[in-house]
Amino acid sequence: MREKERSPLGWYTFGIAALFLAGFFLLVLFGALTYRNTVRSRNANYETRGLSAYLTTAVRANDSENSLRVYDDPAVGQVISVADGDSGFAFRIYRFDGHLVEDYNEADFDLNPEGAQIIGDTETFTVEEAADGLWAVYTDAGRALIGLRSRAD
């Protein structure tokens, strides 16, 4: 009786197929990781740009003669207060408990940090007049320049 010789060609074919399959899985894995990191980076960029854009837009939307006031509050630190026309109300932007918040109330009332709307997360909030009619607001997102059409208080 003659024994059948086995050819190594079947093992080579199986090995090459396994190699291509492993390469395909690694490609999918690295692609998914790259996509996840890209989306995280994009979301962080949107949050950063959104915080700066919100500050600029909120102040400029109510920009009128003597509407902007920056003052120090003993409980929360610096506060941007922008009067809402002649209504006697104002929105105030300040940092509280690691968040940049905004509350809308009568201009002479005390701040209400617990009831304020959270704008974003920041550990830094500093406001300074950079030039005549130009204010610089510093947050964790960077510096936002606010150019006023009217003169500030």
C-alpha atoms as a PDB file:
ATOM      1  CA  MET A   1       0.000   0.000   0.000  1.00  0.00           C
ATOM      2  CA  ARG A   2       1.189   3.355  -0.917  1.00  0.00           C
ATOM      3  CA  GLU A   3       1.048   6.221   1.551  1.00  0.00           C
ATOM      4  CA  LYS A   4      -0.362   9.480   0.379  1.00  0.00           C
ATOM      5  CA  GLU A   5       2.108  12.355   0.478  1.00  0.00           C
ATOM      6  CA  ARG A   6       0.777  15.541   1.931  1.00  0.00           C
ATOM      7  CA  SER A   7       1.604  18.801   0.238  1.00  0.00           C
ATOM      8  CA  PRO A   8       2.559  21.861   2.328  1.00  0.00           C
ATOM      9  CA  LEU A   9       0.652  24.053  -0.143  1.00  0.00           C
ATOM     10  CA  GLY A  10      -2.509  23.887   1.996  1.00  0.00           C
ATOM     11  CA  TRP A  11      -0.652  25.197   5.048  1.00  0.00           C
ATOM     12  CA  TYR A  12       0.879  28.030   3.034  1.00  0.00           C
ATOM     13  CA  THR A  13      -2.529  29.031   1.713  1.00  0.00           C
ATOM     14  CA  PHE A  14      -4.007  28.952   5.212  1.00  0.00           C
ATOM     15  CA  GLY A  15      -1.065  31.006   6.570  1.00  0.00           C
ATOM     16  CA  ILE A  16      -1.393  33.699   3.908  1.00  0.00           C
ATOM     17  CA  ALA A  17      -5.169  33.953   4.456  1.00  0.00           C
ATOM     18  CA  ALA A  18      -4.612  34.273   8.228  1.00  0.00           C
ATOM     19  CA  LEU A  19      -1.973  36.958   7.641  1.00  0.00           C
ATOM     20  CA  PHE A  20      -4.337  39.005   5.456  1.00  0.00           C
ATOM     21  CA  LEU A  21      -7.160  38.574   7.964  1.00  0.00           C
ATOM     22  CA  ALA A  22      -4.924  39.748  10.855  1.00  0.00           C
ATOM     23  CA  GLY A  23      -3.792  42.732   8.769  1.00  0.00           C
ATOM     24  CA  PHE A  24      -7.413  43.628   8.015  1.00  0.00           C
ATOM     25  CA  PHE A  25      -8.363  43.509  11.715  1.00  0.00           C
ATOM     26  CA  LEU A  26      -5.358  45.646  12.688  1.00  0.00           C
ATOM     27  CA  LEU A  27      -6.265  48.171   9.994  1.00  0.00           C
ATOM     28  CA  VAL A  28      -9.842  48.404  11.295  1.00  0.00           C
ATOM     29  CA  LEU A  29      -8.588  48.721  14.891  1.00  0.00           C
ATOM     30  CA  PHE A  30      -6.080  51.501  14.113  1.00  0.00           C
ATOM     31  CA  GLY A  31      -8.664  53.278  11.958  1.00  0.00           C
ATOM     32  CA  ALA A  32     -11.231  53.217  14.762  1.00  0.00           C
ATOM     33  CA  LEU A  33      -8.681  54.525  17.294  1.00  0.00           C
ATOM     34  CA  THR A  34      -7.630  57.316  14.936  1.00  0.00           C
ATOM     35  CA  TYR A  35     -11.248  58.268  14.320  1.00  0.00           C
ATOM     36  CA  ARG A  36     -11.999  58.336  18.060  1.00  0.00           C
ATOM     37  CA  ASN A  37      -9.002  60.598  18.750  1.00  0.00           C
ATOM     38  CA  THR A  38      -9.968  62.900  15.874  1.00  0.00           C
ATOM     39  CA  VAL A  39     -13.525  63.253  17.184  1.00  0.00           C
ATOM     40  CA  ARG A  40     -12.256  63.975  20.724  1.00  0.00           C
ATOM     41  CA  SER A  41      -9.932  66.650  19.392  1.00  0.00           C
ATOM     42  CA  ARG A  42     -12.698  68.183  17.284  1.00  0.00           C
ATOM     43  CA  ASN A  43     -15.121  68.272  20.227  1.00  0.00           C
ATOM     44  CA  ALA A  44     -12.512  69.931  22.470  1.00  0.00           C
ATOM     45  CA  ASN A  45     -11.866  72.499  19.742  1.00  0.00           C
ATOM     46  CA  TYR A  46     -15.602  73.189  19.366  1.00  0.00           C
ATOM     47  CA  GLU A  47     -15.965  73.644  23.115  1.00  0.00           C
ATOM     48  CA  THR A  48     -13.009  76.016  23.228  1.00  0.00           C
ATOM     49  CA  ARG A  49     -14.215  78.064  20.289  1.00  0.00           C
ATOM     50  CA  GLY A  50     -17.786  77.981  21.565  1.00  0.00           C
ATOM     51  CA  LEU A  51     -16.848  79.456  24.938  1.00  0.00           C
ATOM     52  CA  SER A  52     -14.916  82.331  23.363  1.00  0.00           C
ATOM     53  CA  ALA A  53     -17.591  82.972  20.761  1.00  0.00           C
ATOM     54  CA  TYR A  54     -20.328  82.968  23.395  1.00  0.00           C
ATOM     55  CA  LEU A  55     -18.544  85.582  25.482  1.00  0.00           C
ATOM     56  CA  THR A  56     -17.993  87.842  22.503  1.00  0.00           C
ATOM     57  CA  THR A  57     -21.509  87.458  21.128  1.00  0.00           C
ATOM     58  CA  ALA A  58     -23.276  87.845  24.472  1.00  0.00           C
ATOM     59  CA  VAL A  59     -21.563  91.119  25.252  1.00  0.00           C
ATOM     60  CA  ARG A  60     -21.799  92.579  21.759  1.00  0.00           C
ATOM     61  CA  ALA A  61     -25.488  91.705  21.443  1.00  0.00           C
ATOM     62  CA  ASN A  62     -26.373  94.158  24.215  1.00  0.00           C
ATOM     63  CA  ASP A  63     -23.643  96.674  23.476  1.00  0.00           C
ATOM     64  CA  SER A  64     -24.957 100.161  24.197  1.00  0.00           C
ATOM     65  CA  GLU A  65     -23.716 103.267  25.944  1.00  0.00           C
ATOM     66  CA  ASN A  66     -22.494 102.408  29.486  1.00  0.00           C
ATOM     67  CA  SER A  67     -24.043  98.921  29.390  1.00  0.00           C
ATOM     68  CA  LEU A  68     -20.854  96.988  30.219  1.00  0.00           C
ATOM     69  CA  ARG A  69     -19.593  96.930  33.768  1.00  0.00           C
ATOM     70  CA  VAL A  70     -16.781  94.773  35.142  1.00  0.00           C
ATOM     71  CA  TYR A  71     -16.526  94.477  38.911  1.00  0.00           C
ATOM     72  CA  ASP A  72     -15.195  92.207  41.640  1.00  0.00           C
ATOM     73  CA  ASP A  73     -17.654  90.250  43.731  1.00  0.00           C
ATOM     74  CA  PRO A  74     -16.299  88.909  47.052  1.00  0.00           C
ATOM     75  CA  ALA A  75     -17.993  85.515  46.580  1.00  0.00           C
ATOM     76  CA  VAL A  76     -17.142  84.701  42.942  1.00  0.00           C
ATOM     77  CA  GLY A  77     -14.434  87.132  41.800  1.00  0.00           C
ATOM     78  CA  GLN A  78     -14.670  89.119  38.592  1.00  0.00           C
ATOM     79  CA  VAL A  79     -18.082  89.634  37.013  1.00  0.00           C
ATOM     80  CA  ILE A  80     -19.056  90.968  33.599  1.00  0.00           C
ATOM     81  CA  SER A  81     -22.412  92.692  33.842  1.00  0.00           C
ATOM     82  CA  VAL A  82     -24.198  93.833  30.688  1.00  0.00           C
ATOM     83  CA  ALA A  83     -27.381  95.863  31.088  1.00  0.00           C
ATOM     84  CA  ASP A  84     -30.347  94.797  28.971  1.00  0.00           C
ATOM     85  CA  GLY A  85     -31.392  98.171  27.620  1.00  0.00           C
ATOM     86  CA  ASP A  86     -33.505 100.306  29.944  1.00  0.00           C
ATOM     87  CA  SER A  87     -35.305  97.343  31.519  1.00  0.00           C
ATOM     88  CA  GLY A  88     -33.271  97.417  34.740  1.00  0.00           C
ATOM     89  CA  PHE A  89     -32.173  93.832  34.135  1.00  0.00           C
ATOM     90  CA  ALA A  90     -28.681  92.617  33.295  1.00  0.00           C
ATOM     91  CA  PHE A  91     -26.986  89.391  32.504  1.00  0.00           C
ATOM     92  CA  ARG A  92     -23.877  88.667  34.533  1.00  0.00           C
ATOM     93  CA  ILE A  93     -21.115  86.288  33.494  1.00  0.00           C
ATOM     94  CA  TYR A  94     -18.735  84.938  36.134  1.00  0.00           C
ATOM     95  CA  ARG A  95     -16.905  81.800  37.266  1.00  0.00           C
ATOM     96  CA  PHE A  96     -18.470  79.620  39.918  1.00  0.00           C
ATOM     97  CA  ASP A  97     -17.461  76.133  41.058  1.00  0.00           C
ATOM     98  CA  GLY A  98     -15.232  75.459  38.035  1.00  0.00           C
ATOM     99  CA  HIS A  99     -17.825  76.632  35.516  1.00  0.00           C
ATOM    100  CA  LEU A 100     -18.370  79.836  33.616  1.00  0.00           C
ATOM    101  CA  VAL A 101     -21.981  80.760  34.341  1.00  0.00           C
ATOM    102  CA  GLU A 102     -24.497  83.398  33.345  1.00  0.00           C
ATOM    103  CA  ASP A 103     -27.453  84.645  35.314  1.00  0.00           C
ATOM    104  CA  TYR A 104     -30.119  87.099  34.243  1.00  0.00           C
ATOM    105  CA  ASN A 105     -31.741  89.173  36.929  1.00  0.00           C
ATOM    106  CA  GLU A 106     -32.311  92.730  38.033  1.00  0.00           C
ATOM    107  CA  ALA A 107     -29.019  94.588  37.819  1.00  0.00           C
ATOM    108  CA  ASP A 108     -28.979  95.530  41.509  1.00  0.00           C
ATOM    109  CA  PHE A 109     -29.824  92.059  42.850  1.00  0.00           C
ATOM    110  CA  ASP A 110     -27.229  89.732  44.318  1.00  0.00           C
ATOM    111  CA  LEU A 111     -25.724  87.048  42.116  1.00  0.00           C
ATOM    112  CA  ASN A 112     -27.487  83.687  42.056  1.00  0.00           C
ATOM    113  CA  PRO A 113     -24.782  81.116  41.173  1.00  0.00           C
ATOM    114  CA  GLU A 114     -26.934  78.096  42.045  1.00  0.00           C
ATOM    115  CA  GLY A 115     -29.627  79.175  39.573  1.00  0.00           C
ATOM    116  CA  ALA A 116     -27.233  80.352  36.860  1.00  0.00           C
ATOM    117  CA  GLN A 117     -26.925  78.773  33.424  1.00  0.00           C
ATOM    118  CA  ILE A 118     -23.630  76.928  32.872  1.00  0.00           C
ATOM    119  CA  ILE A 119     -21.807  78.174  29.772  1.00  0.00           C
ATOM    120  CA  GLY A 120     -18.747  75.932  29.974  1.00  0.00           C
ATOM    121  CA  ASP A 121     -15.972  74.583  32.173  1.00  0.00           C
ATOM    122  CA  THR A 122     -13.077  76.842  33.126  1.00  0.00           C
ATOM    123  CA  GLU A 123     -10.726  77.296  36.032  1.00  0.00           C
ATOM    124  CA  THR A 124      -9.612  80.734  34.818  1.00  0.00           C
ATOM    125  CA  PHE A 125     -11.726  83.839  34.331  1.00  0.00           C
ATOM    126  CA  THR A 126     -10.028  87.210  34.151  1.00  0.00           C
ATOM    127  CA  VAL A 127     -11.286  90.378  32.498  1.00  0.00           C
ATOM    128  CA  GLU A 128      -9.170  93.413  31.714  1.00  0.00           C
ATOM    129  CA  GLU A 129      -9.440  96.440  29.503  1.00  0.00           C
ATOM    130  CA  ALA A 130      -6.885  95.959  26.729  1.00  0.00           C
ATOM    131  CA  ALA A 131      -7.425  99.314  25.013  1.00  0.00           C
ATOM    132  CA  ASP A 132     -10.050 101.990  24.624  1.00  0.00           C
ATOM    133  CA  GLY A 133     -13.276 100.046  24.013  1.00  0.00           C
ATOM    134  CA  LEU A 134     -11.467  96.685  23.728  1.00  0.00           C
ATOM    135  CA  TRP A 135     -11.736  94.135  26.524  1.00  0.00           C
ATOM    136  CA  ALA A 136      -9.748  90.913  26.936  1.00  0.00           C
ATOM    137  CA  VAL A 137     -11.398  87.957  28.672  1.00  0.00           C
ATOM    138  CA  TYR A 138      -9.099  85.095  29.659  1.00  0.00           C
ATOM    139  CA  THR A 139     -10.447  81.585  30.272  1.00  0.00           C
ATOM    140  CA  ASP A 140      -9.049  78.079  29.950  1.00  0.00           C
ATOM    141  CA  ALA A 141     -10.096  78.351  26.300  1.00  0.00           C
ATOM    142  CA  GLY A 142      -7.670  81.232  25.787  1.00  0.00           C
ATOM    143  CA  ARG A 143      -8.174  84.927  25.232  1.00  0.00           C
ATOM    144  CA  ALA A 144     -11.346  86.395  23.776  1.00  0.00           C
ATOM    145  CA  LEU A 145     -11.212  90.001  22.623  1.00  0.00           C
ATOM    146  CA  ILE A 146     -14.444  91.939  22.825  1.00  0.00           C
ATOM    147  CA  GLY A 147     -14.579  95.156  20.853  1.00  0.00           C
ATOM    148  CA  LEU A 148     -17.338  97.464  22.012  1.00  0.00           C
ATOM    149  CA  ARG A 149     -19.075  99.812  19.621  1.00  0.00           C
ATOM    150  CA  SER A 150     -19.989 101.981  22.579  1.00  0.00           C
ATOM    151  CA  ARG A 151     -17.880 103.122  25.470  1.00  0.00           C
ATOM    152  CA  ALA A 152     -17.854 101.006  28.658  1.00  0.00           C
ATOM    153  CA  ASP A 153     -18.350 102.261  32.206  1.00  0.00           C
END
